[in-house]
Amino acid sequence: MHLFLSYVRITNVFLQLPGRTQFKHVIFAPQAWSGYDEALFPSIRDAIDAGDWVEAQKQVEKVANILSTAVSNLVNYS
């Protein structure tokens, strides 16, 4: 059960994509403007596609923090 709860905690960390009611995963999700085309790190890609470099930097930092949290959770489990 502890492993399952750790998995849920780690998975939930990745569900923080801004401005989406569904497909909230920060590593992979459809692009905001198409709804179907896949994107890796979609919040970063959306900001870059919009030419919003300040938002792109914010999203890079946010995703880096999310990845760091996930790694910490994995390390603490083992």
C-alpha atoms as a PDB file:
ATOM      1  CA  MET A   1       0.000   0.000   0.000  1.00  0.00           C
ATOM      2  CA  HIS A   2       2.859   2.373   0.790  1.00  0.00           C
ATOM      3  CA  LEU A   3       4.249   1.944  -2.730  1.00  0.00           C
ATOM      4  CA  PHE A   4       0.840   2.712  -4.240  1.00  0.00           C
ATOM      5  CA  LEU A   5       0.455   5.877  -2.159  1.00  0.00           C
ATOM      6  CA  SER A   6       3.944   6.967  -3.196  1.00  0.00           C
ATOM      7  CA  TYR A   7       3.000   6.405  -6.835  1.00  0.00           C
ATOM      8  CA  VAL A   8      -0.189   8.466  -6.434  1.00  0.00           C
ATOM      9  CA  ARG A   9       1.727  11.268  -4.710  1.00  0.00           C
ATOM     10  CA  ILE A  10       4.362  11.350  -7.457  1.00  0.00           C
ATOM     11  CA  THR A  11       1.762  11.191 -10.236  1.00  0.00           C
ATOM     12  CA  ASN A  12      -0.288  14.011  -8.727  1.00  0.00           C
ATOM     13  CA  VAL A  13       2.797  16.233  -8.654  1.00  0.00           C
ATOM     14  CA  PHE A  14       2.792  16.219 -12.468  1.00  0.00           C
ATOM     15  CA  LEU A  15      -0.863  17.295 -12.809  1.00  0.00           C
ATOM     16  CA  GLN A  16      -0.319  21.051 -12.665  1.00  0.00           C
ATOM     17  CA  LEU A  17      -0.636  22.303 -16.233  1.00  0.00           C
ATOM     18  CA  PRO A  18      -2.066  25.843 -16.113  1.00  0.00           C
ATOM     19  CA  GLY A  19      -5.184  26.873 -17.996  1.00  0.00           C
ATOM     20  CA  ARG A  20      -6.434  23.356 -18.721  1.00  0.00           C
ATOM     21  CA  THR A  21      -9.565  21.632 -17.447  1.00  0.00           C
ATOM     22  CA  GLN A  22      -8.228  18.284 -18.603  1.00  0.00           C
ATOM     23  CA  PHE A  23      -4.885  16.974 -19.883  1.00  0.00           C
ATOM     24  CA  LYS A  24      -3.007  18.626 -17.010  1.00  0.00           C
ATOM     25  CA  HIS A  25       0.221  16.618 -17.147  1.00  0.00           C
ATOM     26  CA  VAL A  26       3.263  18.932 -17.243  1.00  0.00           C
ATOM     27  CA  ILE A  27       5.451  16.530 -19.239  1.00  0.00           C
ATOM     28  CA  PHE A  28       3.065  15.417 -21.972  1.00  0.00           C
ATOM     29  CA  ALA A  29      -0.336  16.701 -23.085  1.00  0.00           C
ATOM     30  CA  PRO A  30      -2.006  17.939 -26.252  1.00  0.00           C
ATOM     31  CA  GLN A  31      -1.012  21.411 -27.364  1.00  0.00           C
ATOM     32  CA  ALA A  32      -3.322  24.163 -26.092  1.00  0.00           C
ATOM     33  CA  TRP A  33      -4.120  25.547 -29.522  1.00  0.00           C
ATOM     34  CA  SER A  34      -4.825  22.274 -31.325  1.00  0.00           C
ATOM     35  CA  GLY A  35      -6.195  19.984 -28.655  1.00  0.00           C
ATOM     36  CA  TYR A  36      -4.867  16.921 -30.470  1.00  0.00           C
ATOM     37  CA  ASP A  37      -1.207  17.355 -31.387  1.00  0.00           C
ATOM     38  CA  GLU A  38       1.004  16.037 -28.622  1.00  0.00           C
ATOM     39  CA  ALA A  39       3.571  18.211 -26.914  1.00  0.00           C
ATOM     40  CA  LEU A  40       6.360  17.464 -24.499  1.00  0.00           C
ATOM     41  CA  PHE A  41       6.482  20.007 -21.690  1.00  0.00           C
ATOM     42  CA  PRO A  42       3.316  21.643 -23.048  1.00  0.00           C
ATOM     43  CA  SER A  43       3.250  24.710 -20.784  1.00  0.00           C
ATOM     44  CA  ILE A  44       6.749  25.622 -21.927  1.00  0.00           C
ATOM     45  CA  ARG A  45       5.924  24.958 -25.561  1.00  0.00           C
ATOM     46  CA  ASP A  46       2.666  26.963 -25.360  1.00  0.00           C
ATOM     47  CA  ALA A  47       4.562  29.967 -23.981  1.00  0.00           C
ATOM     48  CA  ILE A  48       7.269  29.679 -26.638  1.00  0.00           C
ATOM     49  CA  ASP A  49       4.668  29.334 -29.411  1.00  0.00           C
ATOM     50  CA  ALA A  50       3.006  32.502 -28.082  1.00  0.00           C
ATOM     51  CA  GLY A  51       6.373  34.302 -28.046  1.00  0.00           C
ATOM     52  CA  ASP A  52       6.012  34.940 -24.312  1.00  0.00           C
ATOM     53  CA  TRP A  53       9.570  34.393 -23.143  1.00  0.00           C
ATOM     54  CA  VAL A  54       8.898  35.583 -19.587  1.00  0.00           C
ATOM     55  CA  GLU A  55       6.126  32.990 -19.216  1.00  0.00           C
ATOM     56  CA  ALA A  56       8.340  30.364 -20.863  1.00  0.00           C
ATOM     57  CA  GLN A  57      11.021  30.980 -18.229  1.00  0.00           C
ATOM     58  CA  LYS A  58       8.429  30.771 -15.440  1.00  0.00           C
ATOM     59  CA  GLN A  59       7.180  27.463 -16.812  1.00  0.00           C
ATOM     60  CA  VAL A  60      10.723  26.081 -17.138  1.00  0.00           C
ATOM     61  CA  GLU A  61      11.300  26.891 -13.471  1.00  0.00           C
ATOM     62  CA  LYS A  62       7.928  25.442 -12.438  1.00  0.00           C
ATOM     63  CA  VAL A  63       8.488  22.190 -14.342  1.00  0.00           C
ATOM     64  CA  ALA A  64      12.027  21.918 -12.947  1.00  0.00           C
ATOM     65  CA  ASN A  65      10.634  22.256  -9.418  1.00  0.00           C
ATOM     66  CA  ILE A  66       7.970  19.633 -10.125  1.00  0.00           C
ATOM     67  CA  LEU A  67      10.602  17.209 -11.439  1.00  0.00           C
ATOM     68  CA  SER A  68      12.781  17.896  -8.409  1.00  0.00           C
ATOM     69  CA  THR A  69       9.859  17.163  -6.076  1.00  0.00           C
ATOM     70  CA  ALA A  70       9.121  13.909  -7.883  1.00  0.00           C
ATOM     71  CA  VAL A  71      12.758  12.836  -7.640  1.00  0.00           C
ATOM     72  CA  SER A  72      12.805  13.665  -3.928  1.00  0.00           C
ATOM     73  CA  ASN A  73       9.691  11.565  -3.398  1.00  0.00           C
ATOM     74  CA  LEU A  74      11.302   8.644  -5.206  1.00  0.00           C
ATOM     75  CA  VAL A  75      14.568   8.973  -3.296  1.00  0.00           C
ATOM     76  CA  ASN A  76      12.721   9.211   0.022  1.00  0.00           C
ATOM     77  CA  TYR A  77      10.763   6.062  -0.825  1.00  0.00           C
ATOM     78  CA  SER A  78      13.860   3.978  -1.469  1.00  0.00           C
END
